[in-house]
Amino acid sequence: MQASLFKELTCALGEGPLWDEDRLWFFDITGHGVGGPRLYCLSEGGSVTEHWDGERMASAAARTAKGGLLVATETDLMHFDPAAGIAESLCPLEADNPITRSNDGRADPQGGFWIGTMGRNAEAGAGAIYRWHRGELRALRKGVTIPNAICFAPDGREAYFADTRLKTIWRWRLDADGWPVGAPAEFHVMQGEDSPDGAVIDETGSMWLAVWGGWRVQRISPDGIARERIELPVSNVTCPALTPDGRLYVTTARQGLQPSELDKQPLAGSVFLAEIGQRGIPEPRVML
């Protein structure tokens, strides 16, 4: 399966795509080349309907029950009202640690929001995974290097996450309120140069995983086996978002590519689209 170009951009580190009924939100975390971090909003037709330039790096968002977005930045979680352009800080996120920033995140079916942090230079073990739920931010796992692939089973009984540095994805059982129970179990391990990045789950429970350095999105079945793939014309594939009618939007990055590599990948940093024939689950709304 081949992905097609949806919107040509030059994102240094495109990440965190979120499908919101009829539009796609996503971030350029570092924003090198456009003056700094940026939050984009694209219409179904691919037009840039809005963009906001941030004062600090941001990486992931979720819809909220009160409207607007819950956004994870390098220093806090904030509620952002796009219509008014107003942001309100909800709580610090490692604000006292200048080494780290936010990375991958996603809302869970119980109305919570999981977010990972990592070292700005991918320092080993500098990151963690947190969950925000009804006003409480709680650390779930420390010592993570690059948290990624945060997503959830359709029934809300399991969470998935990866440490890109370890090339491993884990599955973690959840209780009725969405809190982890026991220790996570190994779900899938990648080999060679491939590394897991962002991921999303379809209604059948299959994972669609962006493969950093792998030129593809890989489907992983609920039993942890790699199945078919969606090929892209760029190597650094970062994260997918899946709509209820089966459209898979994929962000990519220019970060880490040398000029000679960019000459061969002129579309790096763009957003791509594939029709996968599997329905997505509407993104939950977070309870603030």
C-alpha atoms as a PDB file:
ATOM      1  CA  MET A   1       0.000   0.000   0.000  1.00  0.00           C
ATOM      2  CA  GLN A   2       1.277   3.469  -0.884  1.00  0.00           C
ATOM      3  CA  ALA A   3       0.530   6.727   0.940  1.00  0.00           C
ATOM      4  CA  SER A   4      -0.076   9.847  -1.146  1.00  0.00           C
ATOM      5  CA  LEU A   5       0.922  13.413  -0.411  1.00  0.00           C
ATOM      6  CA  PHE A   6      -1.790  15.273   1.521  1.00  0.00           C
ATOM      7  CA  LYS A   7      -0.044  18.549   2.344  1.00  0.00           C
ATOM      8  CA  GLU A   8       3.457  19.551   1.332  1.00  0.00           C
ATOM      9  CA  LEU A   9       5.280  21.133   4.271  1.00  0.00           C
ATOM     10  CA  THR A  10       8.803  21.317   5.658  1.00  0.00           C
ATOM     11  CA  CYS A  11       8.193  20.370   9.294  1.00  0.00           C
ATOM     12  CA  ALA A  12      11.437  19.866  11.153  1.00  0.00           C
ATOM     13  CA  LEU A  13       9.666  17.446  13.491  1.00  0.00           C
ATOM     14  CA  GLY A  14       6.036  16.916  12.495  1.00  0.00           C
ATOM     15  CA  GLU A  15       4.242  15.065  15.294  1.00  0.00           C
ATOM     16  CA  GLY A  16       1.069  14.472  17.290  1.00  0.00           C
ATOM     17  CA  PRO A  17      -1.646  14.387  14.570  1.00  0.00           C
ATOM     18  CA  LEU A  18      -5.170  14.535  16.005  1.00  0.00           C
ATOM     19  CA  TRP A  19      -8.331  14.081  13.924  1.00  0.00           C
ATOM     20  CA  ASP A  20     -11.114  16.329  15.225  1.00  0.00           C
ATOM     21  CA  GLU A  21     -14.354  15.614  13.301  1.00  0.00           C
ATOM     22  CA  ASP A  22     -13.475  17.507  10.111  1.00  0.00           C
ATOM     23  CA  ARG A  23      -9.945  18.799  10.606  1.00  0.00           C
ATOM     24  CA  LEU A  24      -6.449  17.633  11.418  1.00  0.00           C
ATOM     25  CA  TRP A  25      -4.332  19.165  14.166  1.00  0.00           C
ATOM     26  CA  PHE A  26      -0.596  18.464  14.403  1.00  0.00           C
ATOM     27  CA  PHE A  27       2.643  20.027  15.605  1.00  0.00           C
ATOM     28  CA  ASP A  28       6.024  20.968  14.308  1.00  0.00           C
ATOM     29  CA  ILE A  29       7.681  20.452  17.680  1.00  0.00           C
ATOM     30  CA  THR A  30      10.882  22.374  17.044  1.00  0.00           C
ATOM     31  CA  GLY A  31       9.784  24.487  14.084  1.00  0.00           C
ATOM     32  CA  HIS A  32      13.291  24.989  12.739  1.00  0.00           C
ATOM     33  CA  GLY A  33      12.908  26.876   9.474  1.00  0.00           C
ATOM     34  CA  VAL A  34       9.585  28.538  10.351  1.00  0.00           C
ATOM     35  CA  GLY A  35      10.759  30.537  13.312  1.00  0.00           C
ATOM     36  CA  GLY A  36       9.859  28.176  16.138  1.00  0.00           C
ATOM     37  CA  PRO A  37       7.312  25.618  17.377  1.00  0.00           C
ATOM     38  CA  ARG A  38       4.007  25.607  15.539  1.00  0.00           C
ATOM     39  CA  LEU A  39       0.527  24.065  15.834  1.00  0.00           C
ATOM     40  CA  TYR A  40      -1.167  23.474  12.472  1.00  0.00           C
ATOM     41  CA  CYS A  41      -4.797  22.873  11.574  1.00  0.00           C
ATOM     42  CA  LEU A  42      -5.649  21.427   8.141  1.00  0.00           C
ATOM     43  CA  SER A  43      -9.052  21.100   6.518  1.00  0.00           C
ATOM     44  CA  GLU A  44     -10.216  17.861   4.868  1.00  0.00           C
ATOM     45  CA  GLY A  45      -9.120  19.391   1.583  1.00  0.00           C
ATOM     46  CA  GLY A  46      -5.602  20.011   2.828  1.00  0.00           C
ATOM     47  CA  SER A  47      -5.801  23.777   3.281  1.00  0.00           C
ATOM     48  CA  VAL A  48      -4.025  25.307   6.266  1.00  0.00           C
ATOM     49  CA  THR A  49      -7.017  26.833   8.029  1.00  0.00           C
ATOM     50  CA  GLU A  50      -5.072  28.009  11.066  1.00  0.00           C
ATOM     51  CA  HIS A  51      -1.635  27.947  12.586  1.00  0.00           C
ATOM     52  CA  TRP A  52      -0.335  29.178  15.900  1.00  0.00           C
ATOM     53  CA  ASP A  53       3.299  29.922  16.670  1.00  0.00           C
ATOM     54  CA  GLY A  54       4.182  28.903  20.200  1.00  0.00           C
ATOM     55  CA  GLU A  55       6.651  30.354  22.650  1.00  0.00           C
ATOM     56  CA  ARG A  56       7.632  26.878  23.785  1.00  0.00           C
ATOM     57  CA  MET A  57       7.755  23.438  22.230  1.00  0.00           C
ATOM     58  CA  ALA A  58       4.518  21.425  22.186  1.00  0.00           C
ATOM     59  CA  SER A  59       4.066  17.887  20.949  1.00  0.00           C
ATOM     60  CA  ALA A  60       0.640  16.302  21.568  1.00  0.00           C
ATOM     61  CA  ALA A  61      -2.986  17.287  22.039  1.00  0.00           C
ATOM     62  CA  ALA A  62      -6.418  15.880  22.865  1.00  0.00           C
ATOM     63  CA  ARG A  63      -9.980  17.112  22.549  1.00  0.00           C
ATOM     64  CA  THR A  64     -11.555  18.116  25.871  1.00  0.00           C
ATOM     65  CA  ALA A  65     -15.049  17.769  27.291  1.00  0.00           C
ATOM     66  CA  LYS A  66     -15.325  21.564  27.640  1.00  0.00           C
ATOM     67  CA  GLY A  67     -14.183  22.200  24.069  1.00  0.00           C
ATOM     68  CA  GLY A  68     -10.800  23.254  22.811  1.00  0.00           C
ATOM     69  CA  LEU A  69      -7.614  21.240  23.173  1.00  0.00           C
ATOM     70  CA  LEU A  70      -5.502  19.880  25.985  1.00  0.00           C
ATOM     71  CA  VAL A  71      -1.936  20.536  24.809  1.00  0.00           C
ATOM     72  CA  ALA A  72       1.301  19.136  26.233  1.00  0.00           C
ATOM     73  CA  THR A  73       4.243  21.555  26.088  1.00  0.00           C
ATOM     74  CA  GLU A  74       7.837  21.369  27.245  1.00  0.00           C
ATOM     75  CA  THR A  75       6.863  22.822  30.650  1.00  0.00           C
ATOM     76  CA  ASP A  76       3.138  22.231  31.257  1.00  0.00           C
ATOM     77  CA  LEU A  77      -0.252  20.909  30.267  1.00  0.00           C
ATOM     78  CA  MET A  78      -2.508  23.695  29.050  1.00  0.00           C
ATOM     79  CA  HIS A  79      -6.048  24.173  27.823  1.00  0.00           C
ATOM     80  CA  PHE A  80      -6.051  25.952  24.473  1.00  0.00           C
ATOM     81  CA  ASP A  81      -9.095  27.672  22.975  1.00  0.00           C
ATOM     82  CA  PRO A  82      -8.275  27.937  19.252  1.00  0.00           C
ATOM     83  CA  ALA A  83     -11.177  30.242  18.440  1.00  0.00           C
ATOM     84  CA  ALA A  84     -10.027  32.825  20.970  1.00  0.00           C
ATOM     85  CA  GLY A  85      -6.332  32.037  20.744  1.00  0.00           C
ATOM     86  CA  ILE A  86      -6.204  31.803  24.550  1.00  0.00           C
ATOM     87  CA  ALA A  87      -4.122  29.287  26.490  1.00  0.00           C
ATOM     88  CA  GLU A  88      -4.549  28.511  30.196  1.00  0.00           C
ATOM     89  CA  SER A  89      -1.931  26.490  32.061  1.00  0.00           C
ATOM     90  CA  LEU A  90      -3.405  23.552  34.007  1.00  0.00           C
ATOM     91  CA  CYS A  91      -0.330  22.095  35.707  1.00  0.00           C
ATOM     92  CA  PRO A  92       3.468  21.946  35.349  1.00  0.00           C
ATOM     93  CA  LEU A  93       5.039  19.115  33.353  1.00  0.00           C
ATOM     94  CA  GLU A  94       8.650  18.726  34.506  1.00  0.00           C
ATOM     95  CA  ALA A  95       8.890  22.526  34.412  1.00  0.00           C
ATOM     96  CA  ASP A  96      11.782  22.360  36.891  1.00  0.00           C
ATOM     97  CA  ASN A  97      13.795  20.034  34.629  1.00  0.00           C
ATOM     98  CA  PRO A  98      15.471  21.981  31.789  1.00  0.00           C
ATOM     99  CA  ILE A  99      16.768  18.762  30.239  1.00  0.00           C
ATOM    100  CA  THR A 100      13.363  17.419  29.157  1.00  0.00           C
ATOM    101  CA  ARG A 101      10.418  18.248  26.904  1.00  0.00           C
ATOM    102  CA  SER A 102       7.115  16.571  26.111  1.00  0.00           C
ATOM    103  CA  ASN A 103       6.856  13.984  23.343  1.00  0.00           C
ATOM    104  CA  ASP A 104       4.165  11.486  22.311  1.00  0.00           C
ATOM    105  CA  GLY A 105       0.697  11.504  23.918  1.00  0.00           C
ATOM    106  CA  ARG A 106      -2.930  10.508  23.425  1.00  0.00           C
ATOM    107  CA  ALA A 107      -6.311  10.575  25.207  1.00  0.00           C
ATOM    108  CA  ASP A 108      -7.547   7.314  26.720  1.00  0.00           C
ATOM    109  CA  PRO A 109     -11.120   5.948  26.573  1.00  0.00           C
ATOM    110  CA  GLN A 110     -11.712   6.779  30.267  1.00  0.00           C
ATOM    111  CA  GLY A 111     -11.214  10.511  29.703  1.00  0.00           C
ATOM    112  CA  GLY A 112      -7.571  10.656  30.732  1.00  0.00           C
ATOM    113  CA  PHE A 113      -4.522  11.846  28.810  1.00  0.00           C
ATOM    114  CA  TRP A 114      -1.190  10.031  28.653  1.00  0.00           C
ATOM    115  CA  ILE A 115       1.924  12.036  27.845  1.00  0.00           C
ATOM    116  CA  GLY A 116       5.596  11.128  27.675  1.00  0.00           C
ATOM    117  CA  THR A 117       8.645  13.286  28.330  1.00  0.00           C
ATOM    118  CA  MET A 118      12.166  12.835  26.982  1.00  0.00           C
ATOM    119  CA  GLY A 119      15.552  14.478  27.065  1.00  0.00           C
ATOM    120  CA  ARG A 120      15.978  17.274  24.542  1.00  0.00           C
ATOM    121  CA  ASN A 121      19.008  15.390  23.251  1.00  0.00           C
ATOM    122  CA  ALA A 122      17.471  11.948  23.897  1.00  0.00           C
ATOM    123  CA  GLU A 123      19.498  11.485  27.077  1.00  0.00           C
ATOM    124  CA  ALA A 124      19.222   7.868  28.236  1.00  0.00           C
ATOM    125  CA  GLY A 125      16.493   7.313  30.822  1.00  0.00           C
ATOM    126  CA  ALA A 126      15.704  11.027  31.213  1.00  0.00           C
ATOM    127  CA  GLY A 127      12.016  10.722  30.317  1.00  0.00           C
ATOM    128  CA  ALA A 128       8.841   9.416  31.885  1.00  0.00           C
ATOM    129  CA  ILE A 129       5.209   8.626  31.077  1.00  0.00           C
ATOM    130  CA  TYR A 130       2.412  10.448  32.923  1.00  0.00           C
ATOM    131  CA  ARG A 131      -1.370  10.334  33.014  1.00  0.00           C
ATOM    132  CA  TRP A 132      -3.635  13.354  33.534  1.00  0.00           C
ATOM    133  CA  HIS A 133      -7.084  12.424  34.865  1.00  0.00           C
ATOM    134  CA  ARG A 134      -9.677  14.796  36.322  1.00  0.00           C
ATOM    135  CA  GLY A 135      -7.171  17.356  37.545  1.00  0.00           C
ATOM    136  CA  GLU A 136      -4.443  14.958  38.674  1.00  0.00           C
ATOM    137  CA  LEU A 137      -1.124  14.369  36.892  1.00  0.00           C
ATOM    138  CA  ARG A 138       0.481  11.122  38.021  1.00  0.00           C
ATOM    139  CA  ALA A 139       3.795   9.567  36.918  1.00  0.00           C
ATOM    140  CA  LEU A 140       3.261   6.024  35.602  1.00  0.00           C
ATOM    141  CA  ARG A 141       6.735   5.014  34.488  1.00  0.00           C
ATOM    142  CA  LYS A 142      10.160   6.591  34.963  1.00  0.00           C
ATOM    143  CA  GLY A 143      13.475   5.961  33.205  1.00  0.00           C
ATOM    144  CA  VAL A 144      12.136   6.064  29.648  1.00  0.00           C
ATOM    145  CA  THR A 145      14.425   7.421  26.944  1.00  0.00           C
ATOM    146  CA  ILE A 146      12.038   8.218  24.053  1.00  0.00           C
ATOM    147  CA  PRO A 147       8.373   7.458  24.900  1.00  0.00           C
ATOM    148  CA  ASN A 148       6.247   6.786  21.849  1.00  0.00           C
ATOM    149  CA  ALA A 149       3.384   4.699  20.406  1.00  0.00           C
ATOM    150  CA  ILE A 150       0.955   5.662  23.205  1.00  0.00           C
ATOM    151  CA  CYS A 151      -2.466   4.292  22.222  1.00  0.00           C
ATOM    152  CA  PHE A 152      -5.294   2.191  23.626  1.00  0.00           C
ATOM    153  CA  ALA A 153      -7.285  -0.951  22.907  1.00  0.00           C
ATOM    154  CA  PRO A 154     -10.823  -0.292  21.620  1.00  0.00           C
ATOM    155  CA  ASP A 155     -12.374  -1.584  24.865  1.00  0.00           C
ATOM    156  CA  GLY A 156     -10.119   0.604  27.024  1.00  0.00           C
ATOM    157  CA  ARG A 157      -8.694  -2.363  28.909  1.00  0.00           C
ATOM    158  CA  GLU A 158      -5.127  -2.060  27.657  1.00  0.00           C
ATOM    159  CA  ALA A 159      -2.626   0.711  26.912  1.00  0.00           C
ATOM    160  CA  TYR A 160       0.364   0.494  24.597  1.00  0.00           C
ATOM    161  CA  PHE A 161       3.623   2.436  24.709  1.00  0.00           C
ATOM    162  CA  ALA A 162       7.134   2.174  23.317  1.00  0.00           C
ATOM    163  CA  ASP A 163      10.632   3.269  24.144  1.00  0.00           C
ATOM    164  CA  THR A 164      12.071   4.102  20.738  1.00  0.00           C
ATOM    165  CA  ARG A 165      15.645   3.680  21.969  1.00  0.00           C
ATOM    166  CA  LEU A 166      14.890   0.085  23.027  1.00  0.00           C
ATOM    167  CA  LYS A 167      12.913  -0.670  19.811  1.00  0.00           C
ATOM    168  CA  THR A 168      10.239  -2.251  22.016  1.00  0.00           C
ATOM    169  CA  ILE A 169       6.473  -1.788  22.397  1.00  0.00           C
ATOM    170  CA  TRP A 170       4.725  -2.893  25.598  1.00  0.00           C
ATOM    171  CA  ARG A 171       1.100  -3.627  26.444  1.00  0.00           C
ATOM    172  CA  TRP A 172      -0.252  -2.631  29.883  1.00  0.00           C
ATOM    173  CA  ARG A 173      -3.501  -3.805  31.469  1.00  0.00           C
ATOM    174  CA  LEU A 174      -5.800  -1.032  32.781  1.00  0.00           C
ATOM    175  CA  ASP A 175      -8.456  -0.957  35.491  1.00  0.00           C
ATOM    176  CA  ALA A 176     -11.961   0.433  35.025  1.00  0.00           C
ATOM    177  CA  ASP A 177     -10.742   3.994  35.646  1.00  0.00           C
ATOM    178  CA  GLY A 178      -7.887   3.672  33.164  1.00  0.00           C
ATOM    179  CA  TRP A 179      -4.995   3.275  35.622  1.00  0.00           C
ATOM    180  CA  PRO A 180      -2.318   0.624  34.895  1.00  0.00           C
ATOM    181  CA  VAL A 181      -2.435  -2.668  36.777  1.00  0.00           C
ATOM    182  CA  GLY A 182       0.698  -4.751  37.355  1.00  0.00           C
ATOM    183  CA  ALA A 183       3.717  -4.661  35.079  1.00  0.00           C
ATOM    184  CA  PRO A 184       3.580  -4.083  31.316  1.00  0.00           C
ATOM    185  CA  ALA A 185       4.191  -7.034  29.006  1.00  0.00           C
ATOM    186  CA  GLU A 186       6.318  -7.035  25.865  1.00  0.00           C
ATOM    187  CA  PHE A 187       4.125  -6.735  22.764  1.00  0.00           C
ATOM    188  CA  HIS A 188       6.433  -6.241  19.772  1.00  0.00           C
ATOM    189  CA  VAL A 189      10.182  -5.773  19.217  1.00  0.00           C
ATOM    190  CA  MET A 190      11.614  -4.181  16.073  1.00  0.00           C
ATOM    191  CA  GLN A 191      14.841  -5.276  14.427  1.00  0.00           C
ATOM    192  CA  GLY A 192      17.692  -3.640  12.537  1.00  0.00           C
ATOM    193  CA  GLU A 193      17.566   0.097  11.887  1.00  0.00           C
ATOM    194  CA  ASP A 194      13.789   0.369  12.361  1.00  0.00           C
ATOM    195  CA  SER A 195      12.462   2.121  15.474  1.00  0.00           C
ATOM    196  CA  PRO A 196       8.884   2.565  16.736  1.00  0.00           C
ATOM    197  CA  ASP A 197       7.470   6.079  16.754  1.00  0.00           C
ATOM    198  CA  GLY A 198       3.804   7.150  17.115  1.00  0.00           C
ATOM    199  CA  ALA A 199       0.882   4.741  16.752  1.00  0.00           C
ATOM    200  CA  VAL A 200      -2.892   4.498  16.664  1.00  0.00           C
ATOM    201  CA  ILE A 201      -5.320   1.583  17.105  1.00  0.00           C
ATOM    202  CA  ASP A 202      -8.171   0.791  14.676  1.00  0.00           C
ATOM    203  CA  GLU A 203     -11.567  -0.629  15.642  1.00  0.00           C
ATOM    204  CA  THR A 204     -10.316  -4.229  15.206  1.00  0.00           C
ATOM    205  CA  GLY A 205      -7.521  -3.690  17.740  1.00  0.00           C
ATOM    206  CA  SER A 206      -4.700  -3.573  15.161  1.00  0.00           C
ATOM    207  CA  MET A 207      -1.944  -1.027  15.683  1.00  0.00           C
ATOM    208  CA  TRP A 208      -0.785   1.262  12.873  1.00  0.00           C
ATOM    209  CA  LEU A 209       2.782   2.171  13.794  1.00  0.00           C
ATOM    210  CA  ALA A 210       4.966   4.906  12.308  1.00  0.00           C
ATOM    211  CA  VAL A 211       8.478   3.523  11.805  1.00  0.00           C
ATOM    212  CA  TRP A 212      11.212   6.131  12.312  1.00  0.00           C
ATOM    213  CA  GLY A 213      13.883   5.509   9.692  1.00  0.00           C
ATOM    214  CA  GLY A 214      11.700   2.854   8.065  1.00  0.00           C
ATOM    215  CA  TRP A 215       9.914   4.682   5.209  1.00  0.00           C
ATOM    216  CA  ARG A 216       6.578   3.199   6.300  1.00  0.00           C
ATOM    217  CA  VAL A 217       3.636   2.743   8.621  1.00  0.00           C
ATOM    218  CA  GLN A 218       3.442  -0.868   9.798  1.00  0.00           C
ATOM    219  CA  ARG A 219       0.262  -2.676  10.830  1.00  0.00           C
ATOM    220  CA  ILE A 220       0.760  -4.865  13.882  1.00  0.00           C
ATOM    221  CA  SER A 221      -2.065  -7.271  14.626  1.00  0.00           C
ATOM    222  CA  PRO A 222      -3.449  -7.702  18.166  1.00  0.00           C
ATOM    223  CA  ASP A 223      -1.191 -10.744  18.632  1.00  0.00           C
ATOM    224  CA  GLY A 224       1.904  -8.577  18.127  1.00  0.00           C
ATOM    225  CA  ILE A 225       2.784  -9.773  14.610  1.00  0.00           C
ATOM    226  CA  ALA A 226       3.860  -7.329  11.885  1.00  0.00           C
ATOM    227  CA  ARG A 227       1.503  -7.550   8.917  1.00  0.00           C
ATOM    228  CA  GLU A 228       1.050  -5.285   5.878  1.00  0.00           C
ATOM    229  CA  ARG A 229       2.740  -1.933   5.482  1.00  0.00           C
ATOM    230  CA  ILE A 230       2.039   1.501   4.013  1.00  0.00           C
ATOM    231  CA  GLU A 231       5.053   2.860   2.189  1.00  0.00           C
ATOM    232  CA  LEU A 232       5.998   6.558   2.178  1.00  0.00           C
ATOM    233  CA  PRO A 233       8.574   8.448   0.070  1.00  0.00           C
ATOM    234  CA  VAL A 234      10.332   9.729   3.210  1.00  0.00           C
ATOM    235  CA  SER A 235      12.290   7.886   5.871  1.00  0.00           C
ATOM    236  CA  ASN A 236      11.449   9.634   9.143  1.00  0.00           C
ATOM    237  CA  VAL A 237       7.796   8.716   9.646  1.00  0.00           C
ATOM    238  CA  THR A 238       6.558  10.021  12.995  1.00  0.00           C
ATOM    239  CA  CYS A 239       2.877   9.450  13.831  1.00  0.00           C
ATOM    240  CA  PRO A 240      -0.518   8.458  12.336  1.00  0.00           C
ATOM    241  CA  ALA A 241      -4.068   9.631  13.007  1.00  0.00           C
ATOM    242  CA  LEU A 242      -7.004   7.486  11.862  1.00  0.00           C
ATOM    243  CA  THR A 243     -10.480   8.775  11.024  1.00  0.00           C
ATOM    244  CA  PRO A 244     -13.740   6.854  11.601  1.00  0.00           C
ATOM    245  CA  ASP A 245     -14.045   6.330   7.832  1.00  0.00           C
ATOM    246  CA  GLY A 246     -10.590   4.795   7.420  1.00  0.00           C
ATOM    247  CA  ARG A 247      -8.338   7.671   6.341  1.00  0.00           C
ATOM    248  CA  LEU A 248      -4.870   7.457   7.853  1.00  0.00           C
ATOM    249  CA  TYR A 249      -3.022  10.775   8.077  1.00  0.00           C
ATOM    250  CA  VAL A 250       0.722  10.542   8.741  1.00  0.00           C
ATOM    251  CA  THR A 251       3.186  13.204   9.897  1.00  0.00           C
ATOM    252  CA  THR A 252       6.889  13.099   9.007  1.00  0.00           C
ATOM    253  CA  ALA A 253      10.123  14.916   9.858  1.00  0.00           C
ATOM    254  CA  ARG A 254      13.225  16.449   8.320  1.00  0.00           C
ATOM    255  CA  GLN A 255      15.135  16.233  11.594  1.00  0.00           C
ATOM    256  CA  GLY A 256      18.269  14.115  11.424  1.00  0.00           C
ATOM    257  CA  LEU A 257      18.501  14.133   7.628  1.00  0.00           C
ATOM    258  CA  GLN A 258      21.662  15.407   5.953  1.00  0.00           C
ATOM    259  CA  PRO A 259      21.421  17.780   2.953  1.00  0.00           C
ATOM    260  CA  SER A 260      22.236  14.929   0.579  1.00  0.00           C
ATOM    261  CA  GLU A 261      19.390  12.888   2.082  1.00  0.00           C
ATOM    262  CA  LEU A 262      16.958  15.794   1.839  1.00  0.00           C
ATOM    263  CA  ASP A 263      17.809  16.097  -1.843  1.00  0.00           C
ATOM    264  CA  LYS A 264      16.496  12.542  -2.252  1.00  0.00           C
ATOM    265  CA  GLN A 265      13.520  13.155   0.081  1.00  0.00           C
ATOM    266  CA  PRO A 266      12.158  16.578  -0.907  1.00  0.00           C
ATOM    267  CA  LEU A 267       8.783  15.821   0.726  1.00  0.00           C
ATOM    268  CA  ALA A 268      10.252  15.093   4.166  1.00  0.00           C
ATOM    269  CA  GLY A 269       8.297  17.047   6.776  1.00  0.00           C
ATOM    270  CA  SER A 270       5.023  16.814   4.822  1.00  0.00           C
ATOM    271  CA  VAL A 271       1.735  15.135   5.778  1.00  0.00           C
ATOM    272  CA  PHE A 272       0.640  12.002   3.901  1.00  0.00           C
ATOM    273  CA  LEU A 273      -2.659  10.136   3.507  1.00  0.00           C
ATOM    274  CA  ALA A 274      -3.652   6.508   2.932  1.00  0.00           C
ATOM    275  CA  GLU A 275      -7.072   4.830   2.682  1.00  0.00           C
ATOM    276  CA  ILE A 276      -6.582   1.687   4.764  1.00  0.00           C
ATOM    277  CA  GLY A 277     -10.022   0.062   4.762  1.00  0.00           C
ATOM    278  CA  GLN A 278     -10.189  -0.103   8.569  1.00  0.00           C
ATOM    279  CA  ARG A 279     -12.235   2.311  10.640  1.00  0.00           C
ATOM    280  CA  GLY A 280     -10.690   4.417  13.348  1.00  0.00           C
ATOM    281  CA  ILE A 281     -12.106   5.089  16.789  1.00  0.00           C
ATOM    282  CA  PRO A 282     -13.147   8.705  17.454  1.00  0.00           C
ATOM    283  CA  GLU A 283     -10.611  10.329  19.753  1.00  0.00           C
ATOM    284  CA  PRO A 284     -11.991  10.545  23.311  1.00  0.00           C
ATOM    285  CA  ARG A 285     -12.534  13.841  25.075  1.00  0.00           C
ATOM    286  CA  VAL A 286     -10.421  14.476  28.154  1.00  0.00           C
ATOM    287  CA  MET A 287     -12.067  15.444  31.424  1.00  0.00           C
ATOM    288  CA  LEU A 288     -10.350  18.532  32.785  1.00  0.00           C
END
